[in-house]
Amino acid sequence: VEVYTTSGCKYCVKAKKRMREEGVPYEEIDVNEDKVSRSEMSRRAGGRTSVPQIFVAGEHVGGCDDL
């Protein structure tokens, strides 16, 4: 699982907490000040720019509510 996040994002915190509680390992990619990662996230997420954006096995799941 890949999770694109920014610091201070309450939805990012909520999504990561849920995955930890469920025992789901994930890789966090902080796009706060990384324009390259943010651009990659947006491209992979079909143009979405909000965080978190979550991918499972390379497939876009969506954001926190979609998790």
C-alpha atoms as a PDB file:
ATOM      1  CA  VAL A   1       0.000   0.000   0.000  1.00  0.00           C
ATOM      2  CA  GLU A   2       1.272   3.450  -0.916  1.00  0.00           C
ATOM      3  CA  VAL A   3      -0.124   6.523   0.818  1.00  0.00           C
ATOM      4  CA  TYR A   4       0.640  10.007  -0.458  1.00  0.00           C
ATOM      5  CA  THR A   5       0.396  12.462   2.442  1.00  0.00           C
ATOM      6  CA  THR A   6       1.298  15.898   3.741  1.00  0.00           C
ATOM      7  CA  SER A   7       2.207  16.844   7.294  1.00  0.00           C
ATOM      8  CA  GLY A   8      -0.641  18.262   9.335  1.00  0.00           C
ATOM      9  CA  CYS A   9      -3.354  16.603   7.225  1.00  0.00           C
ATOM     10  CA  LYS A  10      -6.020  15.193   9.555  1.00  0.00           C
ATOM     11  CA  TYR A  11      -7.344  12.849   6.861  1.00  0.00           C
ATOM     12  CA  CYS A  12      -3.844  11.470   6.279  1.00  0.00           C
ATOM     13  CA  VAL A  13      -3.496  10.815  10.013  1.00  0.00           C
ATOM     14  CA  LYS A  14      -6.894   9.110  10.064  1.00  0.00           C
ATOM     15  CA  ALA A  15      -6.083   6.862   7.072  1.00  0.00           C
ATOM     16  CA  LYS A  16      -2.687   5.835   8.478  1.00  0.00           C
ATOM     17  CA  LYS A  17      -4.224   5.124  11.896  1.00  0.00           C
ATOM     18  CA  ARG A  18      -6.850   2.871  10.348  1.00  0.00           C
ATOM     19  CA  MET A  19      -4.249   0.915   8.392  1.00  0.00           C
ATOM     20  CA  ARG A  20      -2.079   0.484  11.507  1.00  0.00           C
ATOM     21  CA  GLU A  21      -5.110  -0.741  13.479  1.00  0.00           C
ATOM     22  CA  GLU A  22      -5.916  -3.236  10.712  1.00  0.00           C
ATOM     23  CA  GLY A  23      -2.286  -4.385  10.512  1.00  0.00           C
ATOM     24  CA  VAL A  24      -1.873  -3.186   6.931  1.00  0.00           C
ATOM     25  CA  PRO A  25       1.722  -2.251   6.115  1.00  0.00           C
ATOM     26  CA  TYR A  26       2.100   0.879   4.010  1.00  0.00           C
ATOM     27  CA  GLU A  27       4.706   3.152   2.476  1.00  0.00           C
ATOM     28  CA  GLU A  28       4.159   6.831   3.196  1.00  0.00           C
ATOM     29  CA  ILE A  29       5.170   9.314   0.502  1.00  0.00           C
ATOM     30  CA  ASP A  30       5.164  12.867   1.870  1.00  0.00           C
ATOM     31  CA  VAL A  31       4.397  15.308  -0.945  1.00  0.00           C
ATOM     32  CA  ASN A  32       4.421  18.393   1.271  1.00  0.00           C
ATOM     33  CA  GLU A  33       7.394  20.022  -0.436  1.00  0.00           C
ATOM     34  CA  ASP A  34       8.237  17.467  -3.110  1.00  0.00           C
ATOM     35  CA  LYS A  35       6.841  18.719  -6.421  1.00  0.00           C
ATOM     36  CA  VAL A  36       7.984  15.622  -8.301  1.00  0.00           C
ATOM     37  CA  SER A  37       6.151  13.226  -5.940  1.00  0.00           C
ATOM     38  CA  ARG A  38       3.072  15.472  -5.879  1.00  0.00           C
ATOM     39  CA  SER A  39       2.989  15.516  -9.680  1.00  0.00           C
ATOM     40  CA  GLU A  40       3.391  11.717  -9.790  1.00  0.00           C
ATOM     41  CA  MET A  41       0.579  11.337  -7.236  1.00  0.00           C
ATOM     42  CA  SER A  42      -1.752  13.551  -9.267  1.00  0.00           C
ATOM     43  CA  ARG A  43      -0.954  11.703 -12.503  1.00  0.00           C
ATOM     44  CA  ARG A  44      -1.543   8.313 -10.881  1.00  0.00           C
ATOM     45  CA  ALA A  45      -4.735   9.512  -9.157  1.00  0.00           C
ATOM     46  CA  GLY A  46      -6.378  10.755 -12.344  1.00  0.00           C
ATOM     47  CA  GLY A  47      -5.689  14.419 -11.675  1.00  0.00           C
ATOM     48  CA  ARG A  48      -6.621  14.496  -8.007  1.00  0.00           C
ATOM     49  CA  THR A  49      -4.450  16.808  -5.944  1.00  0.00           C
ATOM     50  CA  SER A  50      -5.888  16.314  -2.461  1.00  0.00           C
ATOM     51  CA  VAL A  51      -4.304  14.045   0.123  1.00  0.00           C
ATOM     52  CA  PRO A  52      -4.242  11.336   1.124  1.00  0.00           C
ATOM     53  CA  GLN A  53      -4.232   9.404  -2.119  1.00  0.00           C
ATOM     54  CA  ILE A  54      -4.048   5.665  -1.505  1.00  0.00           C
ATOM     55  CA  PHE A  55      -2.894   2.905  -3.861  1.00  0.00           C
ATOM     56  CA  VAL A  56      -3.146  -0.839  -3.236  1.00  0.00           C
ATOM     57  CA  ALA A  57      -1.047  -3.100  -5.461  1.00  0.00           C
ATOM     58  CA  GLY A  58      -0.612  -0.141  -7.820  1.00  0.00           C
ATOM     59  CA  GLU A  59      -4.350   0.472  -8.147  1.00  0.00           C
ATOM     60  CA  HIS A  60      -5.822   3.791  -7.026  1.00  0.00           C
ATOM     61  CA  VAL A  61      -8.257   3.347  -4.143  1.00  0.00           C
ATOM     62  CA  GLY A  62      -8.943   7.036  -3.493  1.00  0.00           C
ATOM     63  CA  GLY A  63      -8.717   9.091  -0.343  1.00  0.00           C
ATOM     64  CA  CYS A  64      -9.420   8.543   3.334  1.00  0.00           C
ATOM     65  CA  ASP A  65     -13.182   8.098   2.947  1.00  0.00           C
ATOM     66  CA  ASP A  66     -12.662   5.605   0.122  1.00  0.00           C
ATOM     67  CA  LEU A  67     -10.365   3.496   2.282  1.00  0.00           C
END
